[in-house]
PDB file of N, CA and C in Angstrom:
ATOM      1  N   MET A   1      -9.887   5.039  20.020  1.00  0.00           N
ATOM      2  CA  MET A   1      -8.738   4.409  18.978  1.00  0.00           C
ATOM      3  C   MET A   1      -9.295   4.378  17.718  1.00  0.00           C
ATOM      4  N   LEU A   2      -8.757   4.853  16.625  1.00  0.00           N
ATOM      5  CA  LEU A   2      -9.338   4.888  15.299  1.00  0.00           C
ATOM      6  C   LEU A   2      -9.113   3.610  14.634  1.00  0.00           C
ATOM      7  N   THR A   3      -9.741   2.689  13.577  1.00  0.00           N
ATOM      8  CA  THR A   3      -9.789   2.030  13.375  1.00  0.00           C
ATOM      9  C   THR A   3      -8.860   2.022  11.626  1.00  0.00           C
ATOM     10  N   LEU A   4      -8.787   1.642  10.935  1.00  0.00           N
ATOM     11  CA  LEU A   4      -8.082   1.371   9.669  1.00  0.00           C
ATOM     12  C   LEU A   4      -9.420   1.977   8.809  1.00  0.00           C
ATOM     13  N   ARG A   5     -10.426   1.604   8.644  1.00  0.00           N
ATOM     14  CA  ARG A   5     -11.317   2.113   8.384  1.00  0.00           C
ATOM     15  C   ARG A   5     -11.737   3.624   8.363  1.00  0.00           C
ATOM     16  N   ASP A   6     -11.484   3.965   9.756  1.00  0.00           N
ATOM     17  CA  ASP A   6     -12.197   5.177  10.094  1.00  0.00           C
ATOM     18  C   ASP A   6     -10.910   5.978   9.724  1.00  0.00           C
ATOM     19  N   GLU A   7      -9.652   5.818   9.446  1.00  0.00           N
ATOM     20  CA  GLU A   7      -8.757   6.461   9.288  1.00  0.00           C
ATOM     21  C   GLU A   7      -8.623   6.693   7.281  1.00  0.00           C
ATOM     22  N   GLY A   8      -9.091   5.841   6.902  1.00  0.00           N
ATOM     23  CA  GLY A   8      -9.795   5.979   5.516  1.00  0.00           C
ATOM     24  C   GLY A   8      -8.622   5.180   4.659  1.00  0.00           C
ATOM     25  N   TYR A   9      -8.331   4.074   5.099  1.00  0.00           N
ATOM     26  CA  TYR A   9      -7.252   2.704   4.643  1.00  0.00           C
ATOM     27  C   TYR A   9      -7.974   1.975   3.747  1.00  0.00           C
ATOM     28  N   ILE A  10      -9.300   1.674   4.299  1.00  0.00           N
ATOM     29  CA  ILE A  10     -10.179   0.343   3.731  1.00  0.00           C
ATOM     30  C   ILE A  10     -11.466   0.810   3.493  1.00  0.00           C
ATOM     31  N   SER A  11     -12.162   0.646   2.830  1.00  0.00           N
ATOM     32  CA  SER A  11     -13.433   0.658   2.572  1.00  0.00           C
ATOM     33  C   SER A  11     -14.483   0.657   3.031  1.00  0.00           C
ATOM     34  N   ASP A  12     -15.698   0.676   3.261  1.00  0.00           N
ATOM     35  CA  ASP A  12     -16.988   0.354   4.135  1.00  0.00           C
ATOM     36  C   ASP A  12     -17.029  -1.301   3.593  1.00  0.00           C
ATOM     37  N   SER A  13     -16.301  -1.807   2.537  1.00  0.00           N
ATOM     38  CA  SER A  13     -16.691  -3.565   2.265  1.00  0.00           C
ATOM     39  C   SER A  13     -15.563  -4.049   2.892  1.00  0.00           C
ATOM     40  N   GLY A  14     -14.281  -3.360   2.998  1.00  0.00           N
ATOM     41  CA  GLY A  14     -12.992  -4.135   3.353  1.00  0.00           C
ATOM     42  C   GLY A  14     -12.027  -3.866   2.444  1.00  0.00           C
ATOM     43  N   ASP A  15     -12.247  -3.454   1.524  1.00  0.00           N
ATOM     44  CA  ASP A  15     -11.196  -3.289   0.279  1.00  0.00           C
ATOM     45  C   ASP A  15     -10.131  -2.092   1.063  1.00  0.00           C
ATOM     46  N   ALA A  16      -9.162  -2.583   0.227  1.00  0.00           N
ATOM     47  CA  ALA A  16      -7.839  -1.666   0.687  1.00  0.00           C
ATOM     48  C   ALA A  16      -8.103  -0.511  -0.129  1.00  0.00           C
ATOM     49  N   GLU A  17      -8.231   1.030   0.331  1.00  0.00           N
ATOM     50  CA  GLU A  17      -7.659   2.190  -0.588  1.00  0.00           C
ATOM     51  C   GLU A  17      -6.675   2.281  -1.531  1.00  0.00           C
ATOM     52  N   PRO A  18      -6.530   2.372  -2.721  1.00  0.00           N
ATOM     53  CA  PRO A  18      -5.013   2.483  -3.426  1.00  0.00           C
ATOM     54  C   PRO A  18      -4.203   3.710  -2.708  1.00  0.00           C
ATOM     55  N   GLU A  19      -5.117   4.737  -2.869  1.00  0.00           N
ATOM     56  CA  GLU A  19      -4.692   5.935  -2.734  1.00  0.00           C
ATOM     57  C   GLU A  19      -3.763   5.996  -1.381  1.00  0.00           C
ATOM     58  N   GLU A  20      -5.073   6.004  -0.270  1.00  0.00           N
ATOM     59  CA  GLU A  20      -4.018   5.806   0.933  1.00  0.00           C
ATOM     60  C   GLU A  20      -2.797   4.591   1.366  1.00  0.00           C
ATOM     61  N   THR A  21      -3.251   3.623   0.981  1.00  0.00           N
ATOM     62  CA  THR A  21      -2.364   2.149   0.897  1.00  0.00           C
ATOM     63  C   THR A  21      -0.548   2.654   0.019  1.00  0.00           C
ATOM     64  N   MET A  22      -0.918   3.682  -0.672  1.00  0.00           N
ATOM     65  CA  MET A  22       0.148   3.992  -1.938  1.00  0.00           C
ATOM     66  C   MET A  22       0.781   5.180  -1.124  1.00  0.00           C
ATOM     67  N   LYS A  23      -0.140   5.410  -0.015  1.00  0.00           N
ATOM     68  CA  LYS A  23       0.816   7.032   1.132  1.00  0.00           C
ATOM     69  C   LYS A  23       2.329   6.079   1.918  1.00  0.00           C
ATOM     70  N   VAL A  24       1.254   5.208   2.508  1.00  0.00           N
ATOM     71  CA  VAL A  24       1.927   4.100   3.440  1.00  0.00           C
ATOM     72  C   VAL A  24       3.135   3.404   2.687  1.00  0.00           C
ATOM     73  N   TYR A  25       2.661   3.023   1.492  1.00  0.00           N
ATOM     74  CA  TYR A  25       3.919   2.543   0.998  1.00  0.00           C
ATOM     75  C   TYR A  25       5.656   3.183   0.402  1.00  0.00           C
ATOM     76  N   GLN A  26       5.241   4.465   0.269  1.00  0.00           N
ATOM     77  CA  GLN A  26       5.750   5.708  -0.300  1.00  0.00           C
ATOM     78  C   GLN A  26       6.488   5.833   0.866  1.00  0.00           C
ATOM     79  N   MET A  27       6.057   5.688   2.380  1.00  0.00           N
ATOM     80  CA  MET A  27       6.519   6.216   3.622  1.00  0.00           C
ATOM     81  C   MET A  27       7.375   4.672   4.018  1.00  0.00           C
ATOM     82  N   LEU A  28       7.243   3.753   3.914  1.00  0.00           N
ATOM     83  CA  LEU A  28       7.889   2.161   4.095  1.00  0.00           C
ATOM     84  C   LEU A  28       9.008   2.220   3.143  1.00  0.00           C
ATOM     85  N   ALA A  29       8.874   2.661   1.709  1.00  0.00           N
ATOM     86  CA  ALA A  29       9.897   2.484   0.487  1.00  0.00           C
ATOM     87  C   ALA A  29      11.036   3.394   0.715  1.00  0.00           C
ATOM     88  N   ASP A  30      11.032   4.224   1.611  1.00  0.00           N
ATOM     89  CA  ASP A  30      11.956   5.216   2.111  1.00  0.00           C
ATOM     90  C   ASP A  30      12.919   4.555   2.998  1.00  0.00           C
ATOM     91  N   LEU A  31      12.321   3.591   3.933  1.00  0.00           N
ATOM     92  CA  LEU A  31      13.015   2.455   5.048  1.00  0.00           C
ATOM     93  C   LEU A  31      13.650   1.623   4.240  1.00  0.00           C
ATOM     94  N   ILE A  32      13.282   1.250   3.202  1.00  0.00           N
ATOM     95  CA  ILE A  32      14.341  -0.206   3.180  1.00  0.00           C
ATOM     96  C   ILE A  32      15.192   0.051   1.859  1.00  0.00           C
ATOM     97  N   THR A  33      15.817  -0.904   1.629  1.00  0.00           N
ATOM     98  CA  THR A  33      16.896  -0.516   0.413  1.00  0.00           C
ATOM     99  C   THR A  33      16.405  -1.277  -1.236  1.00  0.00           C
ATOM    100  N   SER A  34      16.910   0.048  -1.792  1.00  0.00           N
ATOM    101  CA  SER A  34      16.487  -0.400  -3.307  1.00  0.00           C
ATOM    102  C   SER A  34      16.087  -1.385  -3.573  1.00  0.00           C
ATOM    103  N   ASP A  35      17.313  -2.730  -3.506  1.00  0.00           N
ATOM    104  CA  ASP A  35      16.831  -4.115  -3.978  1.00  0.00           C
ATOM    105  C   ASP A  35      15.621  -4.600  -3.430  1.00  0.00           C
ATOM    106  N   VAL A  36      15.345  -4.439  -2.213  1.00  0.00           N
ATOM    107  CA  VAL A  36      13.941  -4.857  -1.534  1.00  0.00           C
ATOM    108  C   VAL A  36      12.836  -4.028  -2.154  1.00  0.00           C
ATOM    109  N   ARG A  37      12.930  -2.846  -2.245  1.00  0.00           N
ATOM    110  CA  ARG A  37      11.978  -2.117  -2.788  1.00  0.00           C
ATOM    111  C   ARG A  37      11.339  -2.845  -4.528  1.00  0.00           C
ATOM    112  N   LEU A  38      12.857  -2.910  -5.353  1.00  0.00           N
ATOM    113  CA  LEU A  38      12.476  -3.300  -6.626  1.00  0.00           C
ATOM    114  C   LEU A  38      11.993  -5.186  -6.739  1.00  0.00           C
ATOM    115  N   THR A  39      12.457  -5.379  -5.612  1.00  0.00           N
ATOM    116  CA  THR A  39      11.558  -6.661  -5.658  1.00  0.00           C
ATOM    117  C   THR A  39       9.939  -6.729  -5.489  1.00  0.00           C
ATOM    118  N   ILE A  40       9.694  -5.733  -4.271  1.00  0.00           N
ATOM    119  CA  ILE A  40       8.550  -5.522  -4.144  1.00  0.00           C
ATOM    120  C   ILE A  40       7.872  -5.197  -5.283  1.00  0.00           C
ATOM    121  N   GLU A  41       7.920  -4.246  -5.976  1.00  0.00           N
ATOM    122  CA  GLU A  41       7.818  -3.673  -6.950  1.00  0.00           C
ATOM    123  C   GLU A  41       7.233  -4.359  -8.212  1.00  0.00           C
ATOM    124  N   SER A  42       8.195  -4.887  -8.401  1.00  0.00           N
ATOM    125  CA  SER A  42       8.407  -5.996  -9.686  1.00  0.00           C
ATOM    126  C   SER A  42       7.151  -7.667  -9.369  1.00  0.00           C
ATOM    127  N   ALA A  43       6.886  -7.695  -8.252  1.00  0.00           N
ATOM    128  CA  ALA A  43       6.212  -8.366  -7.900  1.00  0.00           C
ATOM    129  C   ALA A  43       4.565  -8.282  -7.882  1.00  0.00           C
ATOM    130  N   THR A  44       4.278  -7.032  -7.653  1.00  0.00           N
ATOM    131  CA  THR A  44       3.065  -6.515  -7.793  1.00  0.00           C
ATOM    132  C   THR A  44       2.599  -5.641  -8.671  1.00  0.00           C
ATOM    133  N   GLN A  45       3.292  -5.613  -9.755  1.00  0.00           N
ATOM    134  CA  GLN A  45       3.011  -4.686 -10.966  1.00  0.00           C
ATOM    135  C   GLN A  45       1.945  -5.098 -11.810  1.00  0.00           C
ATOM    136  N   GLY A  46       1.634  -6.634 -11.873  1.00  0.00           N
ATOM    137  CA  GLY A  46       0.126  -7.137 -12.406  1.00  0.00           C
ATOM    138  C   GLY A  46      -0.593  -6.923 -11.722  1.00  0.00           C
ATOM    139  N   GLU A  47      -1.066  -6.721 -10.756  1.00  0.00           N
ATOM    140  CA  GLU A  47      -1.694  -6.788  -9.617  1.00  0.00           C
ATOM    141  C   GLU A  47      -2.712  -5.159  -9.885  1.00  0.00           C
ATOM    142  N   SER A  48      -2.277  -4.166 -10.154  1.00  0.00           N
ATOM    143  CA  SER A  48      -2.832  -3.002 -10.249  1.00  0.00           C
ATOM    144  C   SER A  48      -3.510  -3.020 -11.774  1.00  0.00           C
ATOM    145  N   ALA A  49      -3.025  -4.086 -12.270  1.00  0.00           N
ATOM    146  CA  ALA A  49      -4.005  -4.063 -13.916  1.00  0.00           C
ATOM    147  C   ALA A  49      -5.520  -4.799 -13.276  1.00  0.00           C
ATOM    148  N   VAL A  50      -5.501  -5.503 -12.485  1.00  0.00           N
ATOM    149  CA  VAL A  50      -6.672  -6.382 -12.120  1.00  0.00           C
ATOM    150  C   VAL A  50      -7.878  -5.577 -11.409  1.00  0.00           C
TER     151      VAL A  50
END
């Protein structure tokens, strides 16, 4: 069984890999309503600047 690190979702230091994380988010975003998606996106907009 592969781990998230083996699959490239987290780095060797344990940080999430933004490119891979975004792929998963896009897949999940297709499954949720637009209201929920907009709430998540607005709540996390400031995090990308950190």
